[in-house]
Amino acid sequence: MARKKAALDFEQSLTDLQNLVERLESGELSLEDSLTAFEQGIRLTRDCQAALTQAEQKVQILLERDGELEQAPFDAERPA
């Protein structure tokens, strides 16, 4: 359940970040609103980066064999 929540939090943060970028790019926000949105975007970006870093660390742990990291190319088409 915790993994599902973390994935949902990441997806929600990414969606929020995309919406924020669209609002900023529209040019319709005031300077103050743009700065507030930018600050929020920085927080969301850091949250997403932290989640990706954690996921990468988990993948490295899962690929570890006999004390050595076994590198394997990512293939989205290959079944797990």
PDB file of N, CA and C in Angstrom:
ATOM      1  N   MET A   1       0.818  -1.194   0.000  1.00  0.00           N
ATOM      2  CA  MET A   1       0.000   0.000   0.000  1.00  0.00           C
ATOM      3  C   MET A   1       0.865   1.262   0.000  1.00  0.00           C
ATOM      4  N   ALA A   2       1.989   1.220   0.736  1.00  0.00           N
ATOM      5  CA  ALA A   2       2.866   2.387   0.797  1.00  0.00           C
ATOM      6  C   ALA A   2       3.469   2.689  -0.568  1.00  0.00           C
ATOM      7  N   ARG A   3       3.801   1.625  -1.330  1.00  0.00           N
ATOM      8  CA  ARG A   3       4.368   1.845  -2.670  1.00  0.00           C
ATOM      9  C   ARG A   3       3.344   2.498  -3.582  1.00  0.00           C
ATOM     10  N   LYS A   4       2.093   2.059  -3.465  1.00  0.00           N
ATOM     11  CA  LYS A   4       1.042   2.630  -4.294  1.00  0.00           C
ATOM     12  C   LYS A   4       0.859   4.108  -3.967  1.00  0.00           C
ATOM     13  N   LYS A   5       0.889   4.449  -2.687  1.00  0.00           N
ATOM     14  CA  LYS A   5       0.737   5.836  -2.262  1.00  0.00           C
ATOM     15  C   LYS A   5       1.900   6.678  -2.768  1.00  0.00           C
ATOM     16  N   ALA A   6       3.125   6.144  -2.665  1.00  0.00           N
ATOM     17  CA  ALA A   6       4.300   6.875  -3.138  1.00  0.00           C
ATOM     18  C   ALA A   6       4.211   7.116  -4.639  1.00  0.00           C
ATOM     19  N   ALA A   7       3.765   6.107  -5.381  1.00  0.00           N
ATOM     20  CA  ALA A   7       3.621   6.257  -6.832  1.00  0.00           C
ATOM     21  C   ALA A   7       2.556   7.296  -7.147  1.00  0.00           C
ATOM     22  N   LEU A   8       1.464   7.269  -6.403  1.00  0.00           N
ATOM     23  CA  LEU A   8       0.407   8.247  -6.623  1.00  0.00           C
ATOM     24  C   LEU A   8       0.880   9.647  -6.273  1.00  0.00           C
ATOM     25  N   ASP A   9       1.656   9.773  -5.189  1.00  0.00           N
ATOM     26  CA  ASP A   9       2.197  11.080  -4.811  1.00  0.00           C
ATOM     27  C   ASP A   9       3.124  11.611  -5.900  1.00  0.00           C
ATOM     28  N   PHE A  10       3.964  10.737  -6.451  1.00  0.00           N
ATOM     29  CA  PHE A  10       4.862  11.152  -7.523  1.00  0.00           C
ATOM     30  C   PHE A  10       4.062  11.592  -8.740  1.00  0.00           C
ATOM     31  N   GLU A  11       3.090  10.778  -9.131  1.00  0.00           N
ATOM     32  CA  GLU A  11       2.272  11.106 -10.298  1.00  0.00           C
ATOM     33  C   GLU A  11       1.522  12.419 -10.087  1.00  0.00           C
ATOM     34  N   GLN A  12       0.998  12.626  -8.893  1.00  0.00           N
ATOM     35  CA  GLN A  12       0.265  13.863  -8.605  1.00  0.00           C
ATOM     36  C   GLN A  12       1.206  15.059  -8.633  1.00  0.00           C
ATOM     37  N   SER A  13       2.386  14.899  -8.056  1.00  0.00           N
ATOM     38  CA  SER A  13       3.372  15.988  -8.066  1.00  0.00           C
ATOM     39  C   SER A  13       3.786  16.334  -9.488  1.00  0.00           C
ATOM     40  N   LEU A  14       3.978  15.316 -10.304  1.00  0.00           N
ATOM     41  CA  LEU A  14       4.363  15.548 -11.695  1.00  0.00           C
ATOM     42  C   LEU A  14       3.245  16.260 -12.461  1.00  0.00           C
ATOM     43  N   THR A  15       2.011  15.832 -12.239  1.00  0.00           N
ATOM     44  CA  THR A  15       0.860  16.485 -12.881  1.00  0.00           C
ATOM     45  C   THR A  15       0.748  17.932 -12.427  1.00  0.00           C
ATOM     46  N   ASP A  16       0.905  18.164 -11.125  1.00  0.00           N
ATOM     47  CA  ASP A  16       0.847  19.531 -10.587  1.00  0.00           C
ATOM     48  C   ASP A  16       1.940  20.394 -11.204  1.00  0.00           C
ATOM     49  N   LEU A  17       3.127  19.813 -11.350  1.00  0.00           N
ATOM     50  CA  LEU A  17       4.238  20.556 -11.934  1.00  0.00           C
ATOM     51  C   LEU A  17       3.952  20.911 -13.393  1.00  0.00           C
ATOM     52  N   GLN A  18       3.411  19.975 -14.139  1.00  0.00           N
ATOM     53  CA  GLN A  18       3.066  20.244 -15.538  1.00  0.00           C
ATOM     54  C   GLN A  18       2.016  21.352 -15.643  1.00  0.00           C
ATOM     55  N   ASN A  19       1.020  21.314 -14.770  1.00  0.00           N
ATOM     56  CA  ASN A  19      -0.011  22.357 -14.771  1.00  0.00           C
ATOM     57  C   ASN A  19       0.584  23.711 -14.415  1.00  0.00           C
ATOM     58  N   LEU A  20       1.503  23.716 -13.470  1.00  0.00           N
ATOM     59  CA  LEU A  20       2.152  24.956 -13.060  1.00  0.00           C
ATOM     60  C   LEU A  20       2.957  25.557 -14.203  1.00  0.00           C
ATOM     61  N   VAL A  21       3.680  24.716 -14.922  1.00  0.00           N
ATOM     62  CA  VAL A  21       4.478  25.187 -16.060  1.00  0.00           C
ATOM     63  C   VAL A  21       3.559  25.792 -17.120  1.00  0.00           C
ATOM     64  N   GLU A  22       2.439  25.145 -17.384  1.00  0.00           N
ATOM     65  CA  GLU A  22       1.487  25.681 -18.367  1.00  0.00           C
ATOM     66  C   GLU A  22       0.975  27.057 -17.943  1.00  0.00           C
ATOM     67  N   ARG A  23       0.664  27.198 -16.650  1.00  0.00           N
ATOM     68  CA  ARG A  23       0.186  28.500 -16.149  1.00  0.00           C
ATOM     69  C   ARG A  23       1.267  29.567 -16.296  1.00  0.00           C
ATOM     70  N   LEU A  24       2.498  29.204 -15.965  1.00  0.00           N
ATOM     71  CA  LEU A  24       3.598  30.167 -16.082  1.00  0.00           C
ATOM     72  C   LEU A  24       3.844  30.550 -17.541  1.00  0.00           C
ATOM     73  N   GLU A  25       3.783  29.563 -18.418  1.00  0.00           N
ATOM     74  CA  GLU A  25       4.039  29.830 -19.833  1.00  0.00           C
ATOM     75  C   GLU A  25       2.915  30.621 -20.489  1.00  0.00           C
ATOM     76  N   SER A  26       1.742  30.603 -19.908  1.00  0.00           N
ATOM     77  CA  SER A  26       0.613  31.336 -20.493  1.00  0.00           C
ATOM     78  C   SER A  26       0.834  32.845 -20.447  1.00  0.00           C
ATOM     79  N   GLY A  27       1.641  33.295 -19.481  1.00  0.00           N
ATOM     80  CA  GLY A  27       1.918  34.721 -19.361  1.00  0.00           C
ATOM     81  C   GLY A  27       0.781  35.515 -18.738  1.00  0.00           C
ATOM     82  N   GLU A  28      -0.210  34.839 -18.194  1.00  0.00           N
ATOM     83  CA  GLU A  28      -1.374  35.523 -17.626  1.00  0.00           C
ATOM     84  C   GLU A  28      -1.248  35.799 -16.132  1.00  0.00           C
ATOM     85  N   LEU A  29      -0.197  35.298 -15.494  1.00  0.00           N
ATOM     86  CA  LEU A  29      -0.016  35.505 -14.060  1.00  0.00           C
ATOM     87  C   LEU A  29       0.698  36.824 -13.800  1.00  0.00           C
ATOM     88  N   SER A  30       0.355  37.431 -12.678  1.00  0.00           N
ATOM     89  CA  SER A  30       1.077  38.636 -12.269  1.00  0.00           C
ATOM     90  C   SER A  30       2.478  38.237 -11.831  1.00  0.00           C
ATOM     91  N   LEU A  31       3.332  39.214 -11.628  1.00  0.00           N
ATOM     92  CA  LEU A  31       4.700  38.929 -11.206  1.00  0.00           C
ATOM     93  C   LEU A  31       4.693  38.194  -9.870  1.00  0.00           C
ATOM     94  N   GLU A  32       3.903  38.661  -8.929  1.00  0.00           N
ATOM     95  CA  GLU A  32       3.836  38.034  -7.609  1.00  0.00           C
ATOM     96  C   GLU A  32       3.324  36.597  -7.707  1.00  0.00           C
ATOM     97  N   ASP A  33       2.277  36.385  -8.492  1.00  0.00           N
ATOM     98  CA  ASP A  33       1.741  35.037  -8.678  1.00  0.00           C
ATOM     99  C   ASP A  33       2.748  34.133  -9.397  1.00  0.00           C
ATOM    100  N   SER A  34       3.490  34.714 -10.334  1.00  0.00           N
ATOM    101  CA  SER A  34       4.512  33.948 -11.046  1.00  0.00           C
ATOM    102  C   SER A  34       5.617  33.502 -10.094  1.00  0.00           C
ATOM    103  N   LEU A  35       6.034  34.384  -9.197  1.00  0.00           N
ATOM    104  CA  LEU A  35       7.072  34.027  -8.232  1.00  0.00           C
ATOM    105  C   LEU A  35       6.588  32.939  -7.275  1.00  0.00           C
ATOM    106  N   THR A  36       5.345  33.057  -6.832  1.00  0.00           N
ATOM    107  CA  THR A  36       4.768  32.044  -5.953  1.00  0.00           C
ATOM    108  C   THR A  36       4.686  30.700  -6.670  1.00  0.00           C
ATOM    109  N   ALA A  37       4.241  30.725  -7.921  1.00  0.00           N
ATOM    110  CA  ALA A  37       4.143  29.497  -8.711  1.00  0.00           C
ATOM    111  C   ALA A  37       5.523  28.901  -8.951  1.00  0.00           C
ATOM    112  N   PHE A  38       6.503  29.759  -9.201  1.00  0.00           N
ATOM    113  CA  PHE A  38       7.869  29.285  -9.414  1.00  0.00           C
ATOM    114  C   PHE A  38       8.400  28.595  -8.162  1.00  0.00           C
ATOM    115  N   GLU A  39       8.173  29.182  -7.003  1.00  0.00           N
ATOM    116  CA  GLU A  39       8.605  28.582  -5.736  1.00  0.00           C
ATOM    117  C   GLU A  39       7.943  27.213  -5.538  1.00  0.00           C
ATOM    118  N   GLN A  40       6.666  27.138  -5.836  1.00  0.00           N
ATOM    119  CA  GLN A  40       5.948  25.874  -5.715  1.00  0.00           C
ATOM    120  C   GLN A  40       6.519  24.849  -6.707  1.00  0.00           C
ATOM    121  N   GLY A  41       6.846  25.310  -7.897  1.00  0.00           N
ATOM    122  CA  GLY A  41       7.433  24.439  -8.905  1.00  0.00           C
ATOM    123  C   GLY A  41       8.776  23.877  -8.465  1.00  0.00           C
ATOM    124  N   ILE A  42       9.575  24.689  -7.816  1.00  0.00           N
ATOM    125  CA  ILE A  42      10.872  24.233  -7.304  1.00  0.00           C
ATOM    126  C   ILE A  42      10.646  23.140  -6.269  1.00  0.00           C
ATOM    127  N   ARG A  43       9.684  23.341  -5.361  1.00  0.00           N
ATOM    128  CA  ARG A  43       9.393  22.316  -4.347  1.00  0.00           C
ATOM    129  C   ARG A  43       8.932  21.013  -5.004  1.00  0.00           C
ATOM    130  N   LEU A  44       8.042  21.125  -5.979  1.00  0.00           N
ATOM    131  CA  LEU A  44       7.543  19.938  -6.674  1.00  0.00           C
ATOM    132  C   LEU A  44       8.665  19.213  -7.415  1.00  0.00           C
ATOM    133  N   THR A  45       9.543  19.983  -8.044  1.00  0.00           N
ATOM    134  CA  THR A  45      10.675  19.402  -8.761  1.00  0.00           C
ATOM    135  C   THR A  45      11.576  18.628  -7.804  1.00  0.00           C
ATOM    136  N   ARG A  46      11.838  19.202  -6.641  1.00  0.00           N
ATOM    137  CA  ARG A  46      12.680  18.524  -5.653  1.00  0.00           C
ATOM    138  C   ARG A  46      12.000  17.262  -5.133  1.00  0.00           C
ATOM    139  N   ASP A  47      10.694  17.322  -4.911  1.00  0.00           N
ATOM    140  CA  ASP A  47       9.951  16.139  -4.465  1.00  0.00           C
ATOM    141  C   ASP A  47      10.027  15.024  -5.502  1.00  0.00           C
ATOM    142  N   CYS A  48       9.821  15.385  -6.766  1.00  0.00           N
ATOM    143  CA  CYS A  48       9.879  14.392  -7.849  1.00  0.00           C
ATOM    144  C   CYS A  48      11.282  13.812  -7.973  1.00  0.00           C
ATOM    145  N   GLN A  49      12.296  14.661  -7.880  1.00  0.00           N
ATOM    146  CA  GLN A  49      13.676  14.185  -7.980  1.00  0.00           C
ATOM    147  C   GLN A  49      14.003  13.243  -6.835  1.00  0.00           C
ATOM    148  N   ALA A  50      13.535  13.551  -5.633  1.00  0.00           N
ATOM    149  CA  ALA A  50      13.776  12.686  -4.481  1.00  0.00           C
ATOM    150  C   ALA A  50      13.106  11.323  -4.694  1.00  0.00           C
ATOM    151  N   ALA A  51      11.890  11.331  -5.214  1.00  0.00           N
ATOM    152  CA  ALA A  51      11.180  10.078  -5.469  1.00  0.00           C
ATOM    153  C   ALA A  51      11.910   9.251  -6.525  1.00  0.00           C
ATOM    154  N   LEU A  52      12.408   9.894  -7.562  1.00  0.00           N
ATOM    155  CA  LEU A  52      13.157   9.185  -8.601  1.00  0.00           C
ATOM    156  C   LEU A  52      14.467   8.620  -8.065  1.00  0.00           C
ATOM    157  N   THR A  53      15.127   9.367  -7.212  1.00  0.00           N
ATOM    158  CA  THR A  53      16.374   8.895  -6.608  1.00  0.00           C
ATOM    159  C   THR A  53      16.117   7.671  -5.740  1.00  0.00           C
ATOM    160  N   GLN A  54      15.032   7.712  -4.963  1.00  0.00           N
ATOM    161  CA  GLN A  54      14.680   6.559  -4.137  1.00  0.00           C
ATOM    162  C   GLN A  54      14.379   5.341  -5.001  1.00  0.00           C
ATOM    163  N   ALA A  55      13.654   5.548  -6.082  1.00  0.00           N
ATOM    164  CA  ALA A  55      13.328   4.437  -6.976  1.00  0.00           C
ATOM    165  C   ALA A  55      14.602   3.854  -7.587  1.00  0.00           C
ATOM    166  N   GLU A  56      15.522   4.721  -7.976  1.00  0.00           N
ATOM    167  CA  GLU A  56      16.784   4.258  -8.546  1.00  0.00           C
ATOM    168  C   GLU A  56      17.570   3.436  -7.530  1.00  0.00           C
ATOM    169  N   GLN A  57      17.585   3.881  -6.277  1.00  0.00           N
ATOM    170  CA  GLN A  57      18.293   3.145  -5.236  1.00  0.00           C
ATOM    171  C   GLN A  57      17.654   1.775  -5.008  1.00  0.00           C
ATOM    172  N   LYS A  58      16.339   1.712  -5.046  1.00  0.00           N
ATOM    173  CA  LYS A  58      15.646   0.434  -4.876  1.00  0.00           C
ATOM    174  C   LYS A  58      15.987  -0.522  -6.017  1.00  0.00           C
ATOM    175  N   VAL A  59      16.047  -0.001  -7.225  1.00  0.00           N
ATOM    176  CA  VAL A  59      16.398  -0.837  -8.384  1.00  0.00           C
ATOM    177  C   VAL A  59      17.818  -1.365  -8.220  1.00  0.00           C
ATOM    178  N   GLN A  60      18.740  -0.523  -7.778  1.00  0.00           N
ATOM    179  CA  GLN A  60      20.117  -0.968  -7.578  1.00  0.00           C
ATOM    180  C   GLN A  60      20.185  -2.075  -6.534  1.00  0.00           C
ATOM    181  N   ILE A  61      19.416  -1.946  -5.459  1.00  0.00           N
ATOM    182  CA  ILE A  61      19.392  -2.974  -4.420  1.00  0.00           C
ATOM    183  C   ILE A  61      18.844  -4.277  -4.985  1.00  0.00           C
ATOM    184  N   LEU A  62      17.801  -4.178  -5.785  1.00  0.00           N
ATOM    185  CA  LEU A  62      17.198  -5.378  -6.357  1.00  0.00           C
ATOM    186  C   LEU A  62      18.126  -6.079  -7.346  1.00  0.00           C
ATOM    187  N   LEU A  63      18.971  -5.316  -8.002  1.00  0.00           N
ATOM    188  CA  LEU A  63      19.885  -5.898  -8.989  1.00  0.00           C
ATOM    189  C   LEU A  63      21.183  -6.405  -8.363  1.00  0.00           C
ATOM    190  N   GLU A  64      21.376  -6.113  -7.080  1.00  0.00           N
ATOM    191  CA  GLU A  64      22.622  -6.505  -6.429  1.00  0.00           C
ATOM    192  C   GLU A  64      22.679  -8.024  -6.259  1.00  0.00           C
ATOM    193  N   ARG A  65      23.787  -8.593  -6.652  1.00  0.00           N
ATOM    194  CA  ARG A  65      23.981 -10.044  -6.563  1.00  0.00           C
ATOM    195  C   ARG A  65      25.361 -10.322  -5.967  1.00  0.00           C
ATOM    196  N   ASP A  66      25.417 -11.138  -4.937  1.00  0.00           N
ATOM    197  CA  ASP A  66      26.671 -11.557  -4.313  1.00  0.00           C
ATOM    198  C   ASP A  66      27.569 -10.376  -3.959  1.00  0.00           C
ATOM    199  N   GLY A  67      26.980  -9.305  -3.459  1.00  0.00           N
ATOM    200  CA  GLY A  67      27.765  -8.152  -3.036  1.00  0.00           C
ATOM    201  C   GLY A  67      28.226  -7.258  -4.159  1.00  0.00           C
ATOM    202  N   GLU A  68      27.910  -7.601  -5.393  1.00  0.00           N
ATOM    203  CA  GLU A  68      28.306  -6.774  -6.534  1.00  0.00           C
ATOM    204  C   GLU A  68      27.074  -6.355  -7.309  1.00  0.00           C
ATOM    205  N   LEU A  69      27.128  -5.175  -7.823  1.00  0.00           N
ATOM    206  CA  LEU A  69      26.018  -4.667  -8.611  1.00  0.00           C
ATOM    207  C   LEU A  69      26.064  -5.289  -9.996  1.00  0.00           C
ATOM    208  N   GLU A  70      24.966  -5.883 -10.363  1.00  0.00           N
ATOM    209  CA  GLU A  70      24.866  -6.498 -11.683  1.00  0.00           C
ATOM    210  C   GLU A  70      24.089  -5.527 -12.576  1.00  0.00           C
ATOM    211  N   GLN A  71      24.770  -4.920 -13.515  1.00  0.00           N
ATOM    212  CA  GLN A  71      24.112  -3.969 -14.386  1.00  0.00           C
ATOM    213  C   GLN A  71      23.342  -4.700 -15.468  1.00  0.00           C
ATOM    214  N   ALA A  72      22.128  -4.214 -15.693  1.00  0.00           N
ATOM    215  CA  ALA A  72      21.293  -4.798 -16.736  1.00  0.00           C
ATOM    216  C   ALA A  72      20.588  -3.661 -17.461  1.00  0.00           C
ATOM    217  N   PRO A  73      20.539  -3.702 -18.769  1.00  0.00           N
ATOM    218  CA  PRO A  73      19.848  -2.638 -19.507  1.00  0.00           C
ATOM    219  C   PRO A  73      18.349  -2.696 -19.242  1.00  0.00           C
ATOM    220  N   PHE A  74      17.740  -1.542 -19.222  1.00  0.00           N
ATOM    221  CA  PHE A  74      16.301  -1.463 -19.024  1.00  0.00           C
ATOM    222  C   PHE A  74      15.617  -1.774 -20.343  1.00  0.00           C
ATOM    223  N   ASP A  75      14.683  -2.708 -20.306  1.00  0.00           N
ATOM    224  CA  ASP A  75      13.922  -3.077 -21.492  1.00  0.00           C
ATOM    225  C   ASP A  75      12.461  -3.118 -21.100  1.00  0.00           C
ATOM    226  N   ALA A  76      11.711  -2.107 -21.477  1.00  0.00           N
ATOM    227  CA  ALA A  76      10.308  -2.006 -21.102  1.00  0.00           C
ATOM    228  C   ALA A  76       9.463  -3.107 -21.723  1.00  0.00           C
ATOM    229  N   GLU A  77       9.940  -3.689 -22.817  1.00  0.00           N
ATOM    230  CA  GLU A  77       9.181  -4.725 -23.503  1.00  0.00           C
ATOM    231  C   GLU A  77       9.369  -6.097 -22.876  1.00  0.00           C
ATOM    232  N   ARG A  78      10.458  -6.270 -22.138  1.00  0.00           N
ATOM    233  CA  ARG A  78      10.762  -7.575 -21.548  1.00  0.00           C
ATOM    234  C   ARG A  78       9.917  -7.771 -20.283  1.00  0.00           C
ATOM    235  N   PRO A  79       9.238  -8.911 -20.168  1.00  0.00           N
ATOM    236  CA  PRO A  79       8.455  -9.163 -18.959  1.00  0.00           C
ATOM    237  C   PRO A  79       9.344  -9.319 -17.745  1.00  0.00           C
ATOM    238  N   ALA A  80       8.805  -8.939 -16.582  1.00  0.00           N
ATOM    239  CA  ALA A  80       9.584  -9.008 -15.335  1.00  0.00           C
ATOM    240  C   ALA A  80       9.739 -10.412 -14.837  1.00  0.00           C
TER     241      ALA A  80
END
